[in-house]
Amino acid sequence: TVEFTGTLHATVAKQVCLKNTSSSTLAYNAILVGRDADDFSLPKGSTVTIPAMKQGFVNVEFTIRFLHPAEAVLILVSNNIDGVDGVTLTFSLKSEVKNIEPVGMIRCKSPCYEL
């Protein structure tokens, strides 16, 4: 599970680290699915290539627009490179609002009650 916590209306960025322990290059296509998938994005693209014995990163951003927790799933589907397929990976994405800061304040005077 990747948790996105922050202030209402803030954009939170996270990286998912992928390690390739094989002797072949792996490539993955990232897909976001689920109820709130539209609120999550992949700013550096939906494809990641991981050289042999190295690691790669998938960047995920989330803009907190609502108070209710958002949920989505990040699915990484392997592309066949050099005749090698990696396993399909899934990550649960969840959000939580930790703070609410006002965007602005408006002062006004008005009678509360009139006959």
PDB file of N, CA and C in Angstrom:
ATOM      1  N   THR A   1       0.843  -1.185   0.000  1.00  0.00           N
ATOM      2  CA  THR A   1       0.000   0.000   0.000  1.00  0.00           C
ATOM      3  C   THR A   1       0.884   1.242   0.000  1.00  0.00           C
ATOM      4  N   VAL A   2       0.565   2.182  -0.877  1.00  0.00           N
ATOM      5  CA  VAL A   2       1.252   3.468  -0.931  1.00  0.00           C
ATOM      6  C   VAL A   2       0.279   4.504  -0.398  1.00  0.00           C
ATOM      7  N   GLU A   3       0.656   5.200   0.671  1.00  0.00           N
ATOM      8  CA  GLU A   3      -0.234   6.162   1.305  1.00  0.00           C
ATOM      9  C   GLU A   3       0.154   7.587   0.930  1.00  0.00           C
ATOM     10  N   PHE A   4      -0.853   8.362   0.551  1.00  0.00           N
ATOM     11  CA  PHE A   4      -0.685   9.768   0.203  1.00  0.00           C
ATOM     12  C   PHE A   4      -1.377  10.587   1.278  1.00  0.00           C
ATOM     13  N   THR A   5      -0.616  11.242   2.133  1.00  0.00           N
ATOM     14  CA  THR A   5      -1.195  12.065   3.191  1.00  0.00           C
ATOM     15  C   THR A   5      -0.723  13.498   3.010  1.00  0.00           C
ATOM     16  N   GLY A   6      -1.613  14.424   3.292  1.00  0.00           N
ATOM     17  CA  GLY A   6      -1.246  15.828   3.144  1.00  0.00           C
ATOM     18  C   GLY A   6      -2.405  16.753   3.430  1.00  0.00           C
ATOM     19  N   THR A   7      -2.216  18.000   3.043  1.00  0.00           N
ATOM     20  CA  THR A   7      -3.192  19.053   3.243  1.00  0.00           C
ATOM     21  C   THR A   7      -4.193  19.062   2.095  1.00  0.00           C
ATOM     22  N   LEU A   8      -5.427  19.410   2.401  1.00  0.00           N
ATOM     23  CA  LEU A   8      -6.471  19.518   1.376  1.00  0.00           C
ATOM     24  C   LEU A   8      -6.007  20.460   0.269  1.00  0.00           C
ATOM     25  N   HIS A   9      -6.182  20.072  -0.977  1.00  0.00           N
ATOM     26  CA  HIS A   9      -5.811  20.797  -2.202  1.00  0.00           C
ATOM     27  C   HIS A   9      -4.318  20.738  -2.519  1.00  0.00           C
ATOM     28  N   ALA A  10      -3.542  19.996  -1.748  1.00  0.00           N
ATOM     29  CA  ALA A  10      -2.109  19.858  -2.034  1.00  0.00           C
ATOM     30  C   ALA A  10      -1.889  18.687  -2.993  1.00  0.00           C
ATOM     31  N   THR A  11      -0.766  18.731  -3.696  1.00  0.00           N
ATOM     32  CA  THR A  11      -0.363  17.623  -4.551  1.00  0.00           C
ATOM     33  C   THR A  11       0.766  16.879  -3.857  1.00  0.00           C
ATOM     34  N   VAL A  12       0.575  15.576  -3.692  1.00  0.00           N
ATOM     35  CA  VAL A  12       1.549  14.729  -2.996  1.00  0.00           C
ATOM     36  C   VAL A  12       2.169  13.785  -4.030  1.00  0.00           C
ATOM     37  N   ALA A  13       3.495  13.697  -4.033  1.00  0.00           N
ATOM     38  CA  ALA A  13       4.201  12.824  -4.969  1.00  0.00           C
ATOM     39  C   ALA A  13       4.877  11.692  -4.204  1.00  0.00           C
ATOM     40  N   LYS A  14       4.824  10.503  -4.772  1.00  0.00           N
ATOM     41  CA  LYS A  14       5.476   9.326  -4.195  1.00  0.00           C
ATOM     42  C   LYS A  14       6.199   8.580  -5.316  1.00  0.00           C
ATOM     43  N   GLN A  15       7.219   7.805  -4.917  1.00  0.00           N
ATOM     44  CA  GLN A  15       7.929   6.947  -5.851  1.00  0.00           C
ATOM     45  C   GLN A  15       7.780   5.502  -5.405  1.00  0.00           C
ATOM     46  N   VAL A  16       7.492   4.636  -6.362  1.00  0.00           N
ATOM     47  CA  VAL A  16       7.455   3.203  -6.108  1.00  0.00           C
ATOM     48  C   VAL A  16       8.749   2.637  -6.679  1.00  0.00           C
ATOM     49  N   CYS A  17       9.549   2.031  -5.818  1.00  0.00           N
ATOM     50  CA  CYS A  17      10.847   1.487  -6.218  1.00  0.00           C
ATOM     51  C   CYS A  17      10.676   0.040  -6.692  1.00  0.00           C
ATOM     52  N   LEU A  18      11.200  -0.240  -7.869  1.00  0.00           N
ATOM     53  CA  LEU A  18      11.144  -1.584  -8.439  1.00  0.00           C
ATOM     54  C   LEU A  18      12.569  -2.087  -8.617  1.00  0.00           C
ATOM     55  N   LYS A  19      12.882  -3.261  -8.061  1.00  0.00           N
ATOM     56  CA  LYS A  19      14.225  -3.830  -8.166  1.00  0.00           C
ATOM     57  C   LYS A  19      14.207  -5.002  -9.135  1.00  0.00           C
ATOM     58  N   ASN A  20      15.163  -5.008 -10.027  1.00  0.00           N
ATOM     59  CA  ASN A  20      15.307  -6.096 -10.988  1.00  0.00           C
ATOM     60  C   ASN A  20      16.485  -6.957 -10.539  1.00  0.00           C
ATOM     61  N   THR A  21      16.205  -8.143 -10.064  1.00  0.00           N
ATOM     62  CA  THR A  21      17.261  -9.046  -9.599  1.00  0.00           C
ATOM     63  C   THR A  21      17.662 -10.062 -10.664  1.00  0.00           C
ATOM     64  N   SER A  22      17.087  -9.937 -11.852  1.00  0.00           N
ATOM     65  CA  SER A  22      17.419 -10.883 -12.916  1.00  0.00           C
ATOM     66  C   SER A  22      18.575 -10.339 -13.767  1.00  0.00           C
ATOM     67  N   SER A  23      19.050 -11.159 -14.681  1.00  0.00           N
ATOM     68  CA  SER A  23      20.151 -10.759 -15.555  1.00  0.00           C
ATOM     69  C   SER A  23      19.656 -10.196 -16.875  1.00  0.00           C
ATOM     70  N   SER A  24      18.359  -9.934 -16.984  1.00  0.00           N
ATOM     71  CA  SER A  24      17.763  -9.369 -18.201  1.00  0.00           C
ATOM     72  C   SER A  24      17.054  -8.063 -17.875  1.00  0.00           C
ATOM     73  N   THR A  25      16.943  -7.202 -18.864  1.00  0.00           N
ATOM     74  CA  THR A  25      16.218  -5.939 -18.703  1.00  0.00           C
ATOM     75  C   THR A  25      14.721  -6.207 -18.648  1.00  0.00           C
ATOM     76  N   LEU A  26      14.028  -5.526 -17.737  1.00  0.00           N
ATOM     77  CA  LEU A  26      12.572  -5.646 -17.617  1.00  0.00           C
ATOM     78  C   LEU A  26      11.929  -4.303 -17.964  1.00  0.00           C
ATOM     79  N   ALA A  27      10.747  -4.359 -18.535  1.00  0.00           N
ATOM     80  CA  ALA A  27       9.986  -3.142 -18.838  1.00  0.00           C
ATOM     81  C   ALA A  27       8.548  -3.346 -18.376  1.00  0.00           C
ATOM     82  N   TYR A  28       7.961  -2.279 -17.857  1.00  0.00           N
ATOM     83  CA  TYR A  28       6.586  -2.346 -17.358  1.00  0.00           C
ATOM     84  C   TYR A  28       5.770  -1.180 -17.891  1.00  0.00           C
ATOM     85  N   ASN A  29       4.488  -1.440 -18.146  1.00  0.00           N
ATOM     86  CA  ASN A  29       3.501  -0.402 -18.429  1.00  0.00           C
ATOM     87  C   ASN A  29       2.666  -0.215 -17.174  1.00  0.00           C
ATOM     88  N   ALA A  30       2.508   1.031 -16.735  1.00  0.00           N
ATOM     89  CA  ALA A  30       1.731   1.333 -15.530  1.00  0.00           C
ATOM     90  C   ALA A  30       0.322   1.756 -15.916  1.00  0.00           C
ATOM     91  N   ILE A  31      -0.648   1.241 -15.162  1.00  0.00           N
ATOM     92  CA  ILE A  31      -2.063   1.562 -15.378  1.00  0.00           C
ATOM     93  C   ILE A  31      -2.672   1.895 -14.019  1.00  0.00           C
ATOM     94  N   LEU A  32      -3.471   2.962 -13.983  1.00  0.00           N
ATOM     95  CA  LEU A  32      -4.199   3.341 -12.764  1.00  0.00           C
ATOM     96  C   LEU A  32      -5.666   2.992 -12.955  1.00  0.00           C
ATOM     97  N   VAL A  33      -6.217   2.205 -12.038  1.00  0.00           N
ATOM     98  CA  VAL A  33      -7.624   1.811 -12.111  1.00  0.00           C
ATOM     99  C   VAL A  33      -8.266   1.987 -10.737  1.00  0.00           C
ATOM    100  N   GLY A  34      -9.583   2.089 -10.735  1.00  0.00           N
ATOM    101  CA  GLY A  34     -10.306   2.162  -9.471  1.00  0.00           C
ATOM    102  C   GLY A  34     -11.207   3.379  -9.399  1.00  0.00           C
ATOM    103  N   ARG A  35     -11.906   3.471  -8.283  1.00  0.00           N
ATOM    104  CA  ARG A  35     -12.907   4.511  -8.060  1.00  0.00           C
ATOM    105  C   ARG A  35     -12.357   5.923  -8.250  1.00  0.00           C
ATOM    106  N   ASP A  36     -11.179   6.190  -7.711  1.00  0.00           N
ATOM    107  CA  ASP A  36     -10.608   7.537  -7.754  1.00  0.00           C
ATOM    108  C   ASP A  36      -9.350   7.610  -8.614  1.00  0.00           C
ATOM    109  N   ALA A  37      -9.232   6.737  -9.598  1.00  0.00           N
ATOM    110  CA  ALA A  37      -8.025   6.678 -10.432  1.00  0.00           C
ATOM    111  C   ALA A  37      -7.763   7.991 -11.163  1.00  0.00           C
ATOM    112  N   ASP A  38      -8.809   8.758 -11.471  1.00  0.00           N
ATOM    113  CA  ASP A  38      -8.625  10.026 -12.188  1.00  0.00           C
ATOM    114  C   ASP A  38      -7.891  11.069 -11.353  1.00  0.00           C
ATOM    115  N   ASP A  39      -7.882  10.916 -10.033  1.00  0.00           N
ATOM    116  CA  ASP A  39      -7.199  11.876  -9.160  1.00  0.00           C
ATOM    117  C   ASP A  39      -5.708  11.573  -9.026  1.00  0.00           C
ATOM    118  N   PHE A  40      -5.289  10.393  -9.461  1.00  0.00           N
ATOM    119  CA  PHE A  40      -3.884  10.016  -9.436  1.00  0.00           C
ATOM    120  C   PHE A  40      -3.306  10.196 -10.831  1.00  0.00           C
ATOM    121  N   SER A  41      -2.000  10.456 -10.920  1.00  0.00           N
ATOM    122  CA  SER A  41      -1.374  10.606 -12.234  1.00  0.00           C
ATOM    123  C   SER A  41       0.039  10.042 -12.217  1.00  0.00           C
ATOM    124  N   LEU A  42       0.546   9.791 -13.407  1.00  0.00           N
ATOM    125  CA  LEU A  42       1.905   9.296 -13.609  1.00  0.00           C
ATOM    126  C   LEU A  42       2.665  10.385 -14.375  1.00  0.00           C
ATOM    127  N   PRO A  43       3.245  11.366 -13.671  1.00  0.00           N
ATOM    128  CA  PRO A  43       3.824  12.540 -14.343  1.00  0.00           C
ATOM    129  C   PRO A  43       5.012  12.253 -15.249  1.00  0.00           C
ATOM    130  N   LYS A  44       5.729  11.183 -15.013  1.00  0.00           N
ATOM    131  CA  LYS A  44       6.899  10.880 -15.848  1.00  0.00           C
ATOM    132  C   LYS A  44       6.600   9.786 -16.867  1.00  0.00           C
ATOM    133  N   GLY A  45       5.329   9.569 -17.135  1.00  0.00           N
ATOM    134  CA  GLY A  45       4.944   8.583 -18.130  1.00  0.00           C
ATOM    135  C   GLY A  45       4.552   7.257 -17.509  1.00  0.00           C
ATOM    136  N   SER A  46       3.959   6.423 -18.337  1.00  0.00           N
ATOM    137  CA  SER A  46       3.429   5.154 -17.839  1.00  0.00           C
ATOM    138  C   SER A  46       4.324   3.966 -18.162  1.00  0.00           C
ATOM    139  N   THR A  47       5.537   4.214 -18.655  1.00  0.00           N
ATOM    140  CA  THR A  47       6.450   3.128 -18.976  1.00  0.00           C
ATOM    141  C   THR A  47       7.725   3.269 -18.156  1.00  0.00           C
ATOM    142  N   VAL A  48       8.198   2.155 -17.609  1.00  0.00           N
ATOM    143  CA  VAL A  48       9.462   2.153 -16.870  1.00  0.00           C
ATOM    144  C   VAL A  48      10.289   0.955 -17.343  1.00  0.00           C
ATOM    145  N   THR A  49      11.577   1.213 -17.602  1.00  0.00           N
ATOM    146  CA  THR A  49      12.501   0.163 -17.998  1.00  0.00           C
ATOM    147  C   THR A  49      13.544   0.018 -16.902  1.00  0.00           C
ATOM    148  N   ILE A  50      13.783  -1.219 -16.480  1.00  0.00           N
ATOM    149  CA  ILE A  50      14.722  -1.489 -15.390  1.00  0.00           C
ATOM    150  C   ILE A  50      15.846  -2.373 -15.920  1.00  0.00           C
ATOM    151  N   PRO A  51      17.063  -1.838 -15.998  1.00  0.00           N
ATOM    152  CA  PRO A  51      18.187  -2.653 -16.462  1.00  0.00           C
ATOM    153  C   PRO A  51      18.460  -3.820 -15.507  1.00  0.00           C
ATOM    154  N   ALA A  52      19.191  -4.807 -16.003  1.00  0.00           N
ATOM    155  CA  ALA A  52      19.523  -5.987 -15.194  1.00  0.00           C
ATOM    156  C   ALA A  52      20.275  -5.588 -13.930  1.00  0.00           C
ATOM    157  N   MET A  53      19.872  -6.192 -12.824  1.00  0.00           N
ATOM    158  CA  MET A  53      20.515  -5.988 -11.515  1.00  0.00           C
ATOM    159  C   MET A  53      20.477  -4.535 -11.041  1.00  0.00           C
ATOM    160  N   LYS A  54      19.525  -3.764 -11.496  1.00  0.00           N
ATOM    161  CA  LYS A  54      19.381  -2.352 -11.099  1.00  0.00           C
ATOM    162  C   LYS A  54      17.971  -2.145 -10.548  1.00  0.00           C
ATOM    163  N   GLN A  55      17.665  -0.883 -10.274  1.00  0.00           N
ATOM    164  CA  GLN A  55      16.316  -0.547  -9.821  1.00  0.00           C
ATOM    165  C   GLN A  55      15.763   0.615 -10.641  1.00  0.00           C
ATOM    166  N   GLY A  56      14.452   0.690 -10.692  1.00  0.00           N
ATOM    167  CA  GLY A  56      13.764   1.763 -11.394  1.00  0.00           C
ATOM    168  C   GLY A  56      12.658   2.301 -10.514  1.00  0.00           C
ATOM    169  N   PHE A  57      12.106   3.441 -10.916  1.00  0.00           N
ATOM    170  CA  PHE A  57      11.080   4.090 -10.112  1.00  0.00           C
ATOM    171  C   PHE A  57       9.879   4.456 -10.972  1.00  0.00           C
ATOM    172  N   VAL A  58       8.702   4.319 -10.372  1.00  0.00           N
ATOM    173  CA  VAL A  58       7.459   4.800 -10.969  1.00  0.00           C
ATOM    174  C   VAL A  58       6.991   5.957 -10.092  1.00  0.00           C
ATOM    175  N   ASN A  59       6.855   7.144 -10.682  1.00  0.00           N
ATOM    176  CA  ASN A  59       6.396   8.320  -9.948  1.00  0.00           C
ATOM    177  C   ASN A  59       4.879   8.412 -10.035  1.00  0.00           C
ATOM    178  N   VAL A  60       4.247   8.608  -8.884  1.00  0.00           N
ATOM    179  CA  VAL A  60       2.796   8.741  -8.809  1.00  0.00           C
ATOM    180  C   VAL A  60       2.485  10.024  -8.051  1.00  0.00           C
ATOM    181  N   GLU A  61       1.577  10.838  -8.607  1.00  0.00           N
ATOM    182  CA  GLU A  61       1.137  12.065  -7.938  1.00  0.00           C
ATOM    183  C   GLU A  61      -0.354  11.987  -7.650  1.00  0.00           C
ATOM    184  N   PHE A  62      -0.740  12.639  -6.562  1.00  0.00           N
ATOM    185  CA  PHE A  62      -2.148  12.686  -6.171  1.00  0.00           C
ATOM    186  C   PHE A  62      -2.470  14.081  -5.679  1.00  0.00           C
ATOM    187  N   THR A  63      -3.523  14.667  -6.206  1.00  0.00           N
ATOM    188  CA  THR A  63      -4.003  15.965  -5.738  1.00  0.00           C
ATOM    189  C   THR A  63      -5.215  15.725  -4.854  1.00  0.00           C
ATOM    190  N   ILE A  64      -5.104  16.156  -3.598  1.00  0.00           N
ATOM    191  CA  ILE A  64      -6.170  15.930  -2.616  1.00  0.00           C
ATOM    192  C   ILE A  64      -7.271  16.956  -2.867  1.00  0.00           C
ATOM    193  N   ARG A  65      -8.394  16.500  -3.421  1.00  0.00           N
ATOM    194  CA  ARG A  65      -9.493  17.401  -3.755  1.00  0.00           C
ATOM    195  C   ARG A  65     -10.672  17.302  -2.805  1.00  0.00           C
ATOM    196  N   PHE A  66     -10.802  16.166  -2.110  1.00  0.00           N
ATOM    197  CA  PHE A  66     -11.959  15.933  -1.251  1.00  0.00           C
ATOM    198  C   PHE A  66     -11.500  15.461   0.125  1.00  0.00           C
ATOM    199  N   LEU A  67     -12.400  15.562   1.111  1.00  0.00           N
ATOM    200  CA  LEU A  67     -12.078  15.111   2.460  1.00  0.00           C
ATOM    201  C   LEU A  67     -12.126  13.593   2.593  1.00  0.00           C
ATOM    202  N   HIS A  68     -12.953  12.944   1.784  1.00  0.00           N
ATOM    203  CA  HIS A  68     -13.060  11.488   1.907  1.00  0.00           C
ATOM    204  C   HIS A  68     -11.798  10.826   1.358  1.00  0.00           C
ATOM    205  N   PRO A  69     -11.416   9.677   1.915  1.00  0.00           N
ATOM    206  CA  PRO A  69     -10.225   8.978   1.430  1.00  0.00           C
ATOM    207  C   PRO A  69     -10.409   8.512  -0.014  1.00  0.00           C
ATOM    208  N   ALA A  70      -9.372   8.674  -0.802  1.00  0.00           N
ATOM    209  CA  ALA A  70      -9.400   8.220  -2.193  1.00  0.00           C
ATOM    210  C   ALA A  70      -8.678   6.875  -2.279  1.00  0.00           C
ATOM    211  N   GLU A  71      -9.122   6.047  -3.215  1.00  0.00           N
ATOM    212  CA  GLU A  71      -8.518   4.730  -3.409  1.00  0.00           C
ATOM    213  C   GLU A  71      -8.376   4.442  -4.895  1.00  0.00           C
ATOM    214  N   ALA A  72      -7.268   3.821  -5.247  1.00  0.00           N
ATOM    215  CA  ALA A  72      -7.037   3.361  -6.608  1.00  0.00           C
ATOM    216  C   ALA A  72      -6.020   2.228  -6.540  1.00  0.00           C
ATOM    217  N   VAL A  73      -5.775   1.622  -7.691  1.00  0.00           N
ATOM    218  CA  VAL A  73      -4.793   0.541  -7.782  1.00  0.00           C
ATOM    219  C   VAL A  73      -3.839   0.862  -8.922  1.00  0.00           C
ATOM    220  N   LEU A  74      -2.547   0.727  -8.635  1.00  0.00           N
ATOM    221  CA  LEU A  74      -1.507   0.861  -9.648  1.00  0.00           C
ATOM    222  C   LEU A  74      -1.144  -0.545 -10.102  1.00  0.00           C
ATOM    223  N   ILE A  75      -1.335  -0.812 -11.397  1.00  0.00           N
ATOM    224  CA  ILE A  75      -1.010  -2.125 -11.959  1.00  0.00           C
ATOM    225  C   ILE A  75       0.172  -1.951 -12.909  1.00  0.00           C
ATOM    226  N   LEU A  76       1.201  -2.754 -12.704  1.00  0.00           N
ATOM    227  CA  LEU A  76       2.377  -2.743 -13.570  1.00  0.00           C
ATOM    228  C   LEU A  76       2.400  -4.049 -14.350  1.00  0.00           C
ATOM    229  N   VAL A  77       2.203  -3.932 -15.671  1.00  0.00           N
ATOM    230  CA  VAL A  77       2.146  -5.096 -16.551  1.00  0.00           C
ATOM    231  C   VAL A  77       3.457  -5.167 -17.322  1.00  0.00           C
ATOM    232  N   SER A  78       4.075  -6.338 -17.320  1.00  0.00           N
ATOM    233  CA  SER A  78       5.376  -6.522 -17.949  1.00  0.00           C
ATOM    234  C   SER A  78       5.285  -6.506 -19.469  1.00  0.00           C
ATOM    235  N   ASN A  79       6.298  -5.869 -20.090  1.00  0.00           N
ATOM    236  CA  ASN A  79       6.496  -5.946 -21.537  1.00  0.00           C
ATOM    237  C   ASN A  79       7.586  -6.972 -21.790  1.00  0.00           C
ATOM    238  N   ASN A  80       7.473  -7.691 -22.891  1.00  0.00           N
ATOM    239  CA  ASN A  80       8.463  -8.707 -23.221  1.00  0.00           C
ATOM    240  C   ASN A  80       9.672  -8.041 -23.873  1.00  0.00           C
ATOM    241  N   ILE A  81      10.828  -8.080 -23.174  1.00  0.00           N
ATOM    242  CA  ILE A  81      12.086  -7.579 -23.726  1.00  0.00           C
ATOM    243  C   ILE A  81      13.095  -8.717 -23.652  1.00  0.00           C
ATOM    244  N   ASP A  82      13.794  -8.961 -24.746  1.00  0.00           N
ATOM    245  CA  ASP A  82      14.788 -10.033 -24.793  1.00  0.00           C
ATOM    246  C   ASP A  82      14.188 -11.389 -24.424  1.00  0.00           C
ATOM    247  N   GLY A  83      12.912 -11.582 -24.716  1.00  0.00           N
ATOM    248  CA  GLY A  83      12.258 -12.861 -24.434  1.00  0.00           C
ATOM    249  C   GLY A  83      11.971 -13.112 -22.969  1.00  0.00           C
ATOM    250  N   VAL A  84      12.049 -12.061 -22.125  1.00  0.00           N
ATOM    251  CA  VAL A  84      11.835 -12.223 -20.687  1.00  0.00           C
ATOM    252  C   VAL A  84      10.609 -11.412 -20.268  1.00  0.00           C
ATOM    253  N   ASP A  85       9.708 -12.067 -19.558  1.00  0.00           N
ATOM    254  CA  ASP A  85       8.535 -11.403 -18.994  1.00  0.00           C
ATOM    255  C   ASP A  85       8.692 -11.329 -17.483  1.00  0.00           C
ATOM    256  N   GLY A  86       8.386 -10.169 -16.913  1.00  0.00           N
ATOM    257  CA  GLY A  86       8.344 -10.039 -15.463  1.00  0.00           C
ATOM    258  C   GLY A  86       6.949 -10.351 -14.958  1.00  0.00           C
ATOM    259  N   VAL A  87       6.803 -10.440 -13.661  1.00  0.00           N
ATOM    260  CA  VAL A  87       5.487 -10.699 -13.082  1.00  0.00           C
ATOM    261  C   VAL A  87       4.681  -9.405 -13.063  1.00  0.00           C
ATOM    262  N   THR A  88       3.368  -9.526 -13.088  1.00  0.00           N
ATOM    263  CA  THR A  88       2.497  -8.365 -12.951  1.00  0.00           C
ATOM    264  C   THR A  88       2.487  -7.945 -11.492  1.00  0.00           C
ATOM    265  N   LEU A  89       2.659  -6.632 -11.257  1.00  0.00           N
ATOM    266  CA  LEU A  89       2.722  -6.094  -9.902  1.00  0.00           C
ATOM    267  C   LEU A  89       1.526  -5.186  -9.657  1.00  0.00           C
ATOM    268  N   THR A  90       0.972  -5.231  -8.453  1.00  0.00           N
ATOM    269  CA  THR A  90      -0.129  -4.343  -8.091  1.00  0.00           C
ATOM    270  C   THR A  90       0.174  -3.657  -6.768  1.00  0.00           C
ATOM    271  N   PHE A  91      -0.213  -2.382  -6.692  1.00  0.00           N
ATOM    272  CA  PHE A  91      -0.035  -1.595  -5.480  1.00  0.00           C
ATOM    273  C   PHE A  91      -1.340  -0.870  -5.183  1.00  0.00           C
ATOM    274  N   SER A  92      -1.748  -0.913  -3.941  1.00  0.00           N
ATOM    275  CA  SER A  92      -2.932  -0.191  -3.493  1.00  0.00           C
ATOM    276  C   SER A  92      -2.522   1.253  -3.175  1.00  0.00           C
ATOM    277  N   LEU A  93      -3.275   2.219  -3.695  1.00  0.00           N
ATOM    278  CA  LEU A  93      -3.016   3.637  -3.458  1.00  0.00           C
ATOM    279  C   LEU A  93      -4.144   4.192  -2.603  1.00  0.00           C
ATOM    280  N   LYS A  94      -3.797   4.815  -1.480  1.00  0.00           N
ATOM    281  CA  LYS A  94      -4.810   5.360  -0.574  1.00  0.00           C
ATOM    282  C   LYS A  94      -4.397   6.753  -0.128  1.00  0.00           C
ATOM    283  N   SER A  95      -5.396   7.592   0.138  1.00  0.00           N
ATOM    284  CA  SER A  95      -5.098   8.960   0.582  1.00  0.00           C
ATOM    285  C   SER A  95      -5.771   9.247   1.913  1.00  0.00           C
ATOM    286  N   GLU A  96      -5.220  10.251   2.577  1.00  0.00           N
ATOM    287  CA  GLU A  96      -5.801  10.706   3.835  1.00  0.00           C
ATOM    288  C   GLU A  96      -5.485  12.194   4.000  1.00  0.00           C
ATOM    289  N   VAL A  97      -6.501  12.977   4.353  1.00  0.00           N
ATOM    290  CA  VAL A  97      -6.315  14.397   4.606  1.00  0.00           C
ATOM    291  C   VAL A  97      -5.875  14.576   6.053  1.00  0.00           C
ATOM    292  N   LYS A  98      -4.716  15.173   6.254  1.00  0.00           N
ATOM    293  CA  LYS A  98      -4.185  15.390   7.599  1.00  0.00           C
ATOM    294  C   LYS A  98      -4.414  16.812   8.102  1.00  0.00           C
ATOM    295  N   ASN A  99      -4.675  17.739   7.195  1.00  0.00           N
ATOM    296  CA  ASN A  99      -4.774  19.134   7.593  1.00  0.00           C
ATOM    297  C   ASN A  99      -5.637  19.883   6.576  1.00  0.00           C
ATOM    298  N   ILE A 100      -6.352  20.868   7.064  1.00  0.00           N
ATOM    299  CA  ILE A 100      -7.143  21.733   6.186  1.00  0.00           C
ATOM    300  C   ILE A 100      -6.719  23.169   6.453  1.00  0.00           C
ATOM    301  N   GLU A 101      -6.235  23.825   5.421  1.00  0.00           N
ATOM    302  CA  GLU A 101      -5.857  25.226   5.546  1.00  0.00           C
ATOM    303  C   GLU A 101      -6.765  26.038   4.638  1.00  0.00           C
ATOM    304  N   PRO A 102      -7.245  27.186   5.134  1.00  0.00           N
ATOM    305  CA  PRO A 102      -8.140  27.992   4.303  1.00  0.00           C
ATOM    306  C   PRO A 102      -7.426  28.558   3.088  1.00  0.00           C
ATOM    307  N   VAL A 103      -8.135  28.591   1.972  1.00  0.00           N
ATOM    308  CA  VAL A 103      -7.593  29.182   0.761  1.00  0.00           C
ATOM    309  C   VAL A 103      -7.597  30.696   0.895  1.00  0.00           C
ATOM    310  N   GLY A 104      -8.595  31.223   1.584  1.00  0.00           N
ATOM    311  CA  GLY A 104      -8.716  32.656   1.818  1.00  0.00           C
ATOM    312  C   GLY A 104      -9.810  32.915   2.837  1.00  0.00           C
ATOM    313  N   MET A 105      -9.904  34.167   3.255  1.00  0.00           N
ATOM    314  CA  MET A 105     -10.943  34.536   4.216  1.00  0.00           C
ATOM    315  C   MET A 105     -11.705  35.735   3.690  1.00  0.00           C
ATOM    316  N   ILE A 106     -12.995  35.745   3.945  1.00  0.00           N
ATOM    317  CA  ILE A 106     -13.856  36.861   3.562  1.00  0.00           C
ATOM    318  C   ILE A 106     -14.569  37.327   4.811  1.00  0.00           C
ATOM    319  N   ARG A 107     -14.502  38.631   5.081  1.00  0.00           N
ATOM    320  CA  ARG A 107     -15.209  39.207   6.224  1.00  0.00           C
ATOM    321  C   ARG A 107     -16.404  39.987   5.686  1.00  0.00           C
ATOM    322  N   CYS A 108     -17.540  39.781   6.339  1.00  0.00           N
ATOM    323  CA  CYS A 108     -18.725  40.521   5.948  1.00  0.00           C
ATOM    324  C   CYS A 108     -19.589  40.761   7.185  1.00  0.00           C
ATOM    325  N   LYS A 109     -20.407  41.809   7.126  1.00  0.00           N
ATOM    326  CA  LYS A 109     -21.330  42.117   8.209  1.00  0.00           C
ATOM    327  C   LYS A 109     -22.739  41.995   7.637  1.00  0.00           C
ATOM    328  N   SER A 110     -23.579  41.368   8.471  1.00  0.00           N
ATOM    329  CA  SER A 110     -24.944  41.159   8.057  1.00  0.00           C
ATOM    330  C   SER A 110     -25.781  40.936   9.289  1.00  0.00           C
ATOM    331  N   PRO A 111     -27.012  41.413   9.290  1.00  0.00           N
ATOM    332  CA  PRO A 111     -27.872  41.117  10.434  1.00  0.00           C
ATOM    333  C   PRO A 111     -28.193  39.629  10.473  1.00  0.00           C
ATOM    334  N   CYS A 112     -28.162  39.096  11.677  1.00  0.00           N
ATOM    335  CA  CYS A 112     -28.445  37.664  11.824  1.00  0.00           C
ATOM    336  C   CYS A 112     -29.940  37.372  11.753  1.00  0.00           C
ATOM    337  N   TYR A 113     -30.750  38.394  12.198  1.00  0.00           N
ATOM    338  CA  TYR A 113     -32.179  38.145  12.251  1.00  0.00           C
ATOM    339  C   TYR A 113     -32.914  39.474  12.097  1.00  0.00           C
ATOM    340  N   GLU A 114     -33.936  39.500  11.288  1.00  0.00           N
ATOM    341  CA  GLU A 114     -34.788  40.679  11.176  1.00  0.00           C
ATOM    342  C   GLU A 114     -36.237  40.234  11.269  1.00  0.00           C
ATOM    343  N   LEU A 115     -37.056  41.053  11.913  1.00  0.00           N
ATOM    344  CA  LEU A 115     -38.478  40.765  11.988  1.00  0.00           C
ATOM    345  C   LEU A 115     -39.144  40.995  10.655  1.00  0.00           C
TER     346      LEU A 115
END
